[in-house]
Amino acid sequence: MRPVKIGGQGGKIRPVHIAGFILFILIAAAFIFPVLISFMSAFKSNGEILNNPVGLPKGFFVWRKGQGCSFR
């Protein structure tokens, strides 16, 4: 079995590969960031979402029987 060469031709890592990897990371972050914001907002009250939309929740907010319950 032949050894696998990293980086394509001759084992060289080209600037095109680095640029492609950086572009991939940026695109992945652009897709993952809104999902994380939505997930964190699911545990916030409306006031927390309006005051600090990107921050972590101070406590968990759960909606039960027509009224909200906050666990801090």
N, C-alpha and C. Protein backbone atom coordinates (compact mmCIF):
# COMPACT_ATOMS: atom_id res chain seq x y z
N MET A 1 0.83 -1.17 0.00
CA MET A 1 0.00 0.00 0.00
C MET A 1 0.89 1.25 0.00
N ARG A 2 0.50 2.25 -0.82
CA ARG A 2 1.30 3.48 -0.92
C ARG A 2 0.95 4.45 0.21
N PRO A 3 1.93 5.20 0.69
CA PRO A 3 1.62 6.22 1.70
C PRO A 3 0.81 7.36 1.06
N VAL A 4 -0.07 7.94 1.84
CA VAL A 4 -0.91 9.03 1.35
C VAL A 4 -0.16 10.35 1.50
N LYS A 5 -0.14 11.13 0.44
CA LYS A 5 0.50 12.44 0.47
C LYS A 5 -0.51 13.50 0.91
N ILE A 6 -0.11 14.33 1.83
CA ILE A 6 -0.97 15.40 2.30
C ILE A 6 -0.73 16.63 1.45
N GLY A 7 -1.82 17.28 1.06
CA GLY A 7 -1.70 18.52 0.30
C GLY A 7 -1.67 18.34 -1.19
N GLY A 8 -1.97 17.19 -1.68
CA GLY A 8 -2.05 17.01 -3.13
C GLY A 8 -0.70 16.70 -3.74
N GLN A 9 -0.22 17.57 -4.61
CA GLN A 9 0.99 17.31 -5.39
C GLN A 9 2.25 17.49 -4.54
N GLY A 10 2.95 16.42 -4.33
CA GLY A 10 4.24 16.49 -3.66
C GLY A 10 4.17 16.81 -2.18
N GLY A 11 3.02 16.75 -1.56
CA GLY A 11 2.89 17.03 -0.15
C GLY A 11 2.99 18.49 0.21
N LYS A 12 2.92 19.37 -0.77
CA LYS A 12 3.01 20.80 -0.50
C LYS A 12 1.64 21.35 -0.14
N ILE A 13 1.61 22.22 0.86
CA ILE A 13 0.38 22.92 1.20
C ILE A 13 0.43 24.27 0.50
N ARG A 14 -0.46 24.47 -0.41
CA ARG A 14 -0.46 25.68 -1.21
C ARG A 14 -1.33 26.76 -0.57
N PRO A 15 -1.06 28.02 -0.89
CA PRO A 15 -1.90 29.11 -0.37
C PRO A 15 -3.36 28.98 -0.77
N VAL A 16 -3.62 28.34 -1.91
CA VAL A 16 -5.01 28.13 -2.33
C VAL A 16 -5.73 27.21 -1.35
N HIS A 17 -5.02 26.20 -0.84
CA HIS A 17 -5.62 25.29 0.13
C HIS A 17 -5.93 26.03 1.43
N ILE A 18 -5.02 26.88 1.87
CA ILE A 18 -5.22 27.64 3.10
C ILE A 18 -6.39 28.60 2.93
N ALA A 19 -6.45 29.29 1.79
CA ALA A 19 -7.55 30.22 1.54
C ALA A 19 -8.88 29.48 1.48
N GLY A 20 -8.89 28.31 0.87
CA GLY A 20 -10.12 27.51 0.80
C GLY A 20 -10.57 27.06 2.17
N PHE A 21 -9.61 26.67 3.01
CA PHE A 21 -9.95 26.25 4.37
C PHE A 21 -10.51 27.41 5.18
N ILE A 22 -9.91 28.58 5.07
CA ILE A 22 -10.40 29.77 5.79
C ILE A 22 -11.80 30.13 5.31
N LEU A 23 -12.02 30.07 4.00
CA LEU A 23 -13.35 30.35 3.45
C LEU A 23 -14.37 29.34 3.97
N PHE A 24 -13.99 28.08 4.04
CA PHE A 24 -14.87 27.04 4.58
C PHE A 24 -15.25 27.34 6.03
N ILE A 25 -14.28 27.73 6.85
CA ILE A 25 -14.53 28.05 8.26
C ILE A 25 -15.49 29.24 8.38
N LEU A 26 -15.30 30.28 7.56
CA LEU A 26 -16.18 31.44 7.61
C LEU A 26 -17.61 31.10 7.20
N ILE A 27 -17.75 30.29 6.17
CA ILE A 27 -19.10 29.89 5.73
C ILE A 27 -19.76 29.02 6.79
N ALA A 28 -19.00 28.11 7.39
CA ALA A 28 -19.55 27.25 8.44
C ALA A 28 -20.01 28.09 9.63
N ALA A 29 -19.22 29.09 10.02
CA ALA A 29 -19.60 29.96 11.13
C ALA A 29 -20.85 30.77 10.79
N ALA A 30 -20.97 31.19 9.53
CA ALA A 30 -22.15 31.96 9.12
C ALA A 30 -23.42 31.11 9.21
N PHE A 31 -23.31 29.80 9.05
CA PHE A 31 -24.47 28.93 9.17
C PHE A 31 -24.73 28.50 10.61
N ILE A 32 -23.68 28.32 11.39
CA ILE A 32 -23.84 27.82 12.76
C ILE A 32 -24.26 28.92 13.72
N PHE A 33 -23.79 30.15 13.53
CA PHE A 33 -24.07 31.25 14.46
C PHE A 33 -25.58 31.49 14.64
N PRO A 34 -26.39 31.58 13.59
CA PRO A 34 -27.84 31.78 13.80
C PRO A 34 -28.51 30.62 14.53
N VAL A 35 -28.02 29.41 14.33
CA VAL A 35 -28.59 28.26 15.03
C VAL A 35 -28.28 28.37 16.52
N LEU A 36 -27.08 28.76 16.88
CA LEU A 36 -26.72 28.94 18.29
C LEU A 36 -27.53 30.06 18.94
N ILE A 37 -27.73 31.16 18.22
CA ILE A 37 -28.52 32.26 18.75
C ILE A 37 -29.95 31.81 18.99
N SER A 38 -30.52 31.06 18.06
CA SER A 38 -31.89 30.56 18.22
C SER A 38 -31.99 29.61 19.40
N PHE A 39 -31.01 28.74 19.55
CA PHE A 39 -31.02 27.79 20.66
C PHE A 39 -30.93 28.51 22.00
N MET A 40 -30.04 29.49 22.11
CA MET A 40 -29.91 30.23 23.36
C MET A 40 -31.14 31.07 23.64
N SER A 41 -31.77 31.62 22.61
CA SER A 41 -32.96 32.45 22.79
C SER A 41 -34.16 31.63 23.24
N ALA A 42 -34.15 30.34 22.99
CA ALA A 42 -35.27 29.49 23.40
C ALA A 42 -35.39 29.42 24.92
N PHE A 43 -34.30 29.69 25.64
CA PHE A 43 -34.31 29.62 27.10
C PHE A 43 -34.34 31.00 27.76
N LYS A 44 -34.58 32.06 26.98
CA LYS A 44 -34.62 33.41 27.52
C LYS A 44 -36.04 33.94 27.54
N SER A 45 -36.28 34.89 28.44
CA SER A 45 -37.56 35.60 28.42
C SER A 45 -37.49 36.65 27.31
N ASN A 46 -38.64 37.23 26.99
CA ASN A 46 -38.66 38.25 25.93
C ASN A 46 -37.79 39.45 26.28
N GLY A 47 -37.79 39.84 27.53
CA GLY A 47 -36.97 40.97 27.96
C GLY A 47 -35.48 40.70 27.79
N GLU A 48 -35.05 39.50 28.13
CA GLU A 48 -33.63 39.15 27.96
C GLU A 48 -33.24 39.13 26.49
N ILE A 49 -34.14 38.66 25.63
CA ILE A 49 -33.84 38.64 24.20
C ILE A 49 -33.68 40.05 23.66
N LEU A 50 -34.54 40.97 24.10
CA LEU A 50 -34.47 42.34 23.61
C LEU A 50 -33.27 43.09 24.17
N ASN A 51 -32.92 42.84 25.43
CA ASN A 51 -31.80 43.55 26.05
C ASN A 51 -30.44 43.01 25.63
N ASN A 52 -30.32 41.71 25.48
CA ASN A 52 -29.03 41.10 25.16
C ASN A 52 -29.26 39.89 24.25
N PRO A 53 -29.46 40.10 22.96
CA PRO A 53 -29.81 39.00 22.07
C PRO A 53 -28.71 37.96 21.86
N VAL A 54 -27.45 38.34 22.02
CA VAL A 54 -26.35 37.42 21.74
C VAL A 54 -25.82 36.75 23.00
N GLY A 55 -26.09 37.33 24.16
CA GLY A 55 -25.53 36.81 25.40
C GLY A 55 -26.19 35.53 25.87
N LEU A 56 -25.54 34.89 26.83
CA LEU A 56 -26.08 33.68 27.42
C LEU A 56 -27.26 34.02 28.33
N PRO A 57 -28.20 33.10 28.49
CA PRO A 57 -29.32 33.37 29.40
C PRO A 57 -28.85 33.42 30.85
N LYS A 58 -29.46 34.32 31.63
CA LYS A 58 -29.11 34.41 33.06
C LYS A 58 -29.73 33.26 33.83
N GLY A 59 -30.84 32.76 33.34
CA GLY A 59 -31.53 31.61 33.92
C GLY A 59 -32.31 30.95 32.81
N PHE A 60 -33.01 29.88 33.13
CA PHE A 60 -33.80 29.21 32.11
C PHE A 60 -35.25 29.63 32.26
N PHE A 61 -35.88 29.98 31.16
CA PHE A 61 -37.26 30.43 31.14
C PHE A 61 -38.10 29.35 30.47
N VAL A 62 -39.10 28.84 31.20
CA VAL A 62 -39.95 27.78 30.67
C VAL A 62 -41.39 28.25 30.73
N TRP A 63 -42.14 27.99 29.67
CA TRP A 63 -43.53 28.42 29.59
C TRP A 63 -44.42 27.26 30.03
N ARG A 64 -45.22 27.48 31.11
CA ARG A 64 -46.11 26.43 31.61
C ARG A 64 -47.47 27.00 31.94
N LYS A 65 -48.53 26.32 31.53
CA LYS A 65 -49.92 26.62 31.88
C LYS A 65 -50.28 28.09 31.70
N GLY A 66 -49.88 28.66 30.59
CA GLY A 66 -50.25 30.04 30.29
C GLY A 66 -49.43 31.09 31.00
N GLN A 67 -48.46 30.71 31.78
CA GLN A 67 -47.60 31.70 32.44
C GLN A 67 -46.16 31.22 32.41
N GLY A 68 -45.26 32.14 32.44
CA GLY A 68 -43.85 31.79 32.37
C GLY A 68 -43.28 31.48 33.72
N CYS A 69 -42.35 30.58 33.77
CA CYS A 69 -41.63 30.24 35.00
C CYS A 69 -40.15 30.46 34.73
N SER A 70 -39.50 31.15 35.64
CA SER A 70 -38.09 31.42 35.47
C SER A 70 -37.29 30.66 36.52
N PHE A 71 -36.29 29.92 36.08
CA PHE A 71 -35.42 29.18 36.99
C PHE A 71 -34.05 29.86 36.97
N ARG A 72 -33.64 30.39 38.08
CA ARG A 72 -32.35 31.09 38.16
C ARG A 72 -31.46 30.46 39.19
